[in-house]
Amino acid sequence: MKVSKYTTYDELPLFLNAEMVAQVLGISISSAYELMHETSFPALRVGSRIVVPKEKFCQWVASQTGGVQ
């Protein structure tokens, strides 16, 4: 399992890209891209890029873990 370089949500930038999502969740970058294409995941398309707003990401994590952040 990959180890995240982030230790708190406060360290995250306002928008996360696939590489950051992978690092935070401890998954591969290909798994992060798959997750970012799920309709239930809070990703935004900005031109050809896909980014995730930090606040929406934190809310998604909380909803997936039963509200524990």
N, C-alpha and C. Protein backbone atom coordinates (compact mmCIF):
# COMPACT_ATOMS: atom_id res chain seq x y z
N MET A 1 0.84 -1.18 0.00
CA MET A 1 0.00 0.00 0.00
C MET A 1 0.88 1.24 0.00
N LYS A 2 0.49 2.23 -0.77
CA LYS A 2 1.23 3.48 -0.82
C LYS A 2 0.96 4.29 0.44
N VAL A 3 1.93 5.07 0.85
CA VAL A 3 1.79 5.91 2.04
C VAL A 3 1.61 7.35 1.58
N SER A 4 0.61 8.02 2.15
CA SER A 4 0.33 9.39 1.79
C SER A 4 1.36 10.34 2.39
N LYS A 5 1.74 11.36 1.64
CA LYS A 5 2.64 12.37 2.19
C LYS A 5 1.86 13.43 2.96
N TYR A 6 0.53 13.40 2.85
CA TYR A 6 -0.32 14.35 3.56
C TYR A 6 -0.75 13.73 4.89
N THR A 7 -0.70 14.52 5.95
CA THR A 7 -1.11 14.00 7.26
C THR A 7 -2.41 14.61 7.76
N THR A 8 -2.83 15.75 7.19
CA THR A 8 -4.11 16.36 7.55
C THR A 8 -4.76 16.91 6.29
N TYR A 9 -6.08 17.11 6.37
CA TYR A 9 -6.80 17.69 5.24
C TYR A 9 -6.35 19.13 4.98
N ASP A 10 -5.89 19.82 6.01
CA ASP A 10 -5.45 21.21 5.86
C ASP A 10 -4.25 21.33 4.93
N GLU A 11 -3.47 20.28 4.79
CA GLU A 11 -2.30 20.31 3.92
C GLU A 11 -2.64 20.19 2.44
N LEU A 12 -3.86 19.78 2.14
CA LEU A 12 -4.25 19.59 0.74
C LEU A 12 -4.48 20.93 0.05
N PRO A 13 -4.17 21.00 -1.25
CA PRO A 13 -4.49 22.21 -2.00
C PRO A 13 -6.00 22.32 -2.22
N LEU A 14 -6.47 23.47 -2.70
CA LEU A 14 -7.90 23.67 -2.91
C LEU A 14 -8.49 22.69 -3.91
N PHE A 15 -7.71 22.30 -4.92
CA PHE A 15 -8.15 21.33 -5.92
C PHE A 15 -7.12 20.22 -6.03
N LEU A 16 -7.60 18.99 -6.10
CA LEU A 16 -6.72 17.84 -6.20
C LEU A 16 -6.78 17.26 -7.61
N ASN A 17 -5.64 16.83 -8.11
CA ASN A 17 -5.63 16.12 -9.39
C ASN A 17 -5.56 14.61 -9.11
N ALA A 18 -5.50 13.81 -10.13
CA ALA A 18 -5.52 12.35 -9.96
C ALA A 18 -4.34 11.86 -9.15
N GLU A 19 -3.18 12.44 -9.35
CA GLU A 19 -2.00 12.02 -8.61
C GLU A 19 -2.18 12.28 -7.11
N MET A 20 -2.74 13.43 -6.76
CA MET A 20 -2.96 13.75 -5.36
C MET A 20 -4.02 12.86 -4.73
N VAL A 21 -5.09 12.59 -5.48
CA VAL A 21 -6.14 11.69 -4.98
C VAL A 21 -5.53 10.31 -4.70
N ALA A 22 -4.69 9.84 -5.60
CA ALA A 22 -4.03 8.55 -5.43
C ALA A 22 -3.15 8.55 -4.18
N GLN A 23 -2.38 9.62 -3.98
CA GLN A 23 -1.50 9.71 -2.82
C GLN A 23 -2.28 9.72 -1.52
N VAL A 24 -3.34 10.52 -1.47
CA VAL A 24 -4.12 10.65 -0.24
C VAL A 24 -4.81 9.34 0.12
N LEU A 25 -5.36 8.67 -0.88
CA LEU A 25 -6.10 7.42 -0.63
C LEU A 25 -5.21 6.19 -0.59
N GLY A 26 -3.95 6.34 -0.99
CA GLY A 26 -3.04 5.21 -0.98
C GLY A 26 -3.36 4.19 -2.05
N ILE A 27 -3.79 4.69 -3.23
CA ILE A 27 -4.15 3.81 -4.35
C ILE A 27 -3.28 4.17 -5.55
N SER A 28 -3.36 3.36 -6.58
CA SER A 28 -2.60 3.65 -7.80
C SER A 28 -3.25 4.80 -8.55
N ILE A 29 -2.48 5.43 -9.41
CA ILE A 29 -3.02 6.54 -10.18
C ILE A 29 -4.10 6.08 -11.14
N SER A 30 -3.98 4.86 -11.66
CA SER A 30 -5.04 4.34 -12.55
C SER A 30 -6.33 4.13 -11.78
N SER A 31 -6.24 3.68 -10.55
CA SER A 31 -7.43 3.53 -9.71
C SER A 31 -8.04 4.90 -9.39
N ALA A 32 -7.18 5.90 -9.20
CA ALA A 32 -7.67 7.26 -8.94
C ALA A 32 -8.45 7.78 -10.15
N TYR A 33 -7.92 7.54 -11.36
CA TYR A 33 -8.64 7.97 -12.57
C TYR A 33 -9.98 7.26 -12.69
N GLU A 34 -10.00 5.97 -12.39
CA GLU A 34 -11.28 5.23 -12.43
C GLU A 34 -12.27 5.83 -11.44
N LEU A 35 -11.81 6.11 -10.24
CA LEU A 35 -12.66 6.70 -9.21
C LEU A 35 -13.18 8.06 -9.63
N MET A 36 -12.33 8.86 -10.25
CA MET A 36 -12.71 10.22 -10.66
C MET A 36 -13.74 10.21 -11.79
N HIS A 37 -13.90 9.09 -12.46
CA HIS A 37 -14.91 8.97 -13.51
C HIS A 37 -16.24 8.41 -12.99
N GLU A 38 -16.26 8.01 -11.72
CA GLU A 38 -17.52 7.52 -11.12
C GLU A 38 -18.47 8.70 -10.94
N THR A 39 -19.75 8.48 -11.20
CA THR A 39 -20.73 9.58 -11.08
C THR A 39 -20.92 10.03 -9.64
N SER A 40 -20.66 9.17 -8.67
CA SER A 40 -20.84 9.54 -7.26
C SER A 40 -19.63 10.27 -6.68
N PHE A 41 -18.55 10.37 -7.45
CA PHE A 41 -17.33 11.04 -6.96
C PHE A 41 -17.36 12.50 -7.40
N PRO A 42 -17.00 13.44 -6.50
CA PRO A 42 -17.15 14.87 -6.78
C PRO A 42 -16.05 15.50 -7.64
N ALA A 43 -15.89 15.00 -8.84
CA ALA A 43 -14.86 15.53 -9.74
C ALA A 43 -15.46 16.55 -10.70
N LEU A 44 -14.65 17.53 -11.06
CA LEU A 44 -15.05 18.56 -12.03
C LEU A 44 -14.15 18.48 -13.25
N ARG A 45 -14.74 18.69 -14.40
CA ARG A 45 -13.94 18.75 -15.63
C ARG A 45 -13.69 20.23 -15.93
N VAL A 46 -12.42 20.58 -16.06
CA VAL A 46 -12.01 21.94 -16.41
C VAL A 46 -11.20 21.81 -17.69
N GLY A 47 -11.87 22.06 -18.81
CA GLY A 47 -11.23 21.81 -20.10
C GLY A 47 -10.99 20.31 -20.23
N SER A 48 -9.75 19.93 -20.43
CA SER A 48 -9.42 18.51 -20.54
C SER A 48 -8.97 17.91 -19.21
N ARG A 49 -8.87 18.74 -18.18
CA ARG A 49 -8.42 18.26 -16.86
C ARG A 49 -9.60 17.86 -16.00
N ILE A 50 -9.35 16.95 -15.08
CA ILE A 50 -10.33 16.58 -14.07
C ILE A 50 -9.71 16.91 -12.72
N VAL A 51 -10.43 17.70 -11.93
CA VAL A 51 -9.95 18.09 -10.61
C VAL A 51 -11.05 17.83 -9.58
N VAL A 52 -10.65 17.76 -8.33
CA VAL A 52 -11.59 17.51 -7.24
C VAL A 52 -11.44 18.62 -6.21
N PRO A 53 -12.52 19.36 -5.93
CA PRO A 53 -12.44 20.38 -4.89
C PRO A 53 -12.16 19.74 -3.52
N LYS A 54 -11.24 20.31 -2.77
CA LYS A 54 -10.83 19.75 -1.49
C LYS A 54 -12.01 19.52 -0.54
N GLU A 55 -12.89 20.49 -0.41
CA GLU A 55 -14.03 20.36 0.51
C GLU A 55 -14.95 19.21 0.11
N LYS A 56 -15.22 19.09 -1.19
CA LYS A 56 -16.07 18.00 -1.67
C LYS A 56 -15.39 16.65 -1.47
N PHE A 57 -14.08 16.62 -1.65
CA PHE A 57 -13.32 15.39 -1.43
C PHE A 57 -13.42 14.97 0.03
N CYS A 58 -13.25 15.91 0.95
CA CYS A 58 -13.34 15.61 2.39
C CYS A 58 -14.73 15.10 2.75
N GLN A 59 -15.76 15.72 2.16
CA GLN A 59 -17.14 15.27 2.40
C GLN A 59 -17.34 13.86 1.86
N TRP A 60 -16.79 13.58 0.69
CA TRP A 60 -16.92 12.25 0.09
C TRP A 60 -16.25 11.21 0.98
N VAL A 61 -15.05 11.50 1.46
CA VAL A 61 -14.34 10.57 2.35
C VAL A 61 -15.19 10.31 3.59
N ALA A 62 -15.74 11.37 4.18
CA ALA A 62 -16.57 11.23 5.38
C ALA A 62 -17.78 10.35 5.10
N SER A 63 -18.40 10.53 3.95
CA SER A 63 -19.58 9.72 3.62
C SER A 63 -19.22 8.25 3.39
N GLN A 64 -18.02 8.00 2.89
CA GLN A 64 -17.57 6.63 2.63
C GLN A 64 -17.12 5.92 3.89
N THR A 65 -16.77 6.69 4.91
CA THR A 65 -16.22 6.11 6.14
C THR A 65 -17.19 6.24 7.31
N GLY A 66 -18.44 6.54 7.01
CA GLY A 66 -19.43 6.66 8.08
C GLY A 66 -19.31 7.94 8.87
N GLY A 67 -18.75 8.98 8.25
CA GLY A 67 -18.67 10.28 8.92
C GLY A 67 -17.39 10.51 9.68
N VAL A 68 -16.46 9.57 9.65
CA VAL A 68 -15.20 9.73 10.38
C VAL A 68 -14.16 10.32 9.45
N GLN A 69 -13.55 11.44 9.85
CA GLN A 69 -12.49 12.05 9.03
C GLN A 69 -11.15 11.92 9.70
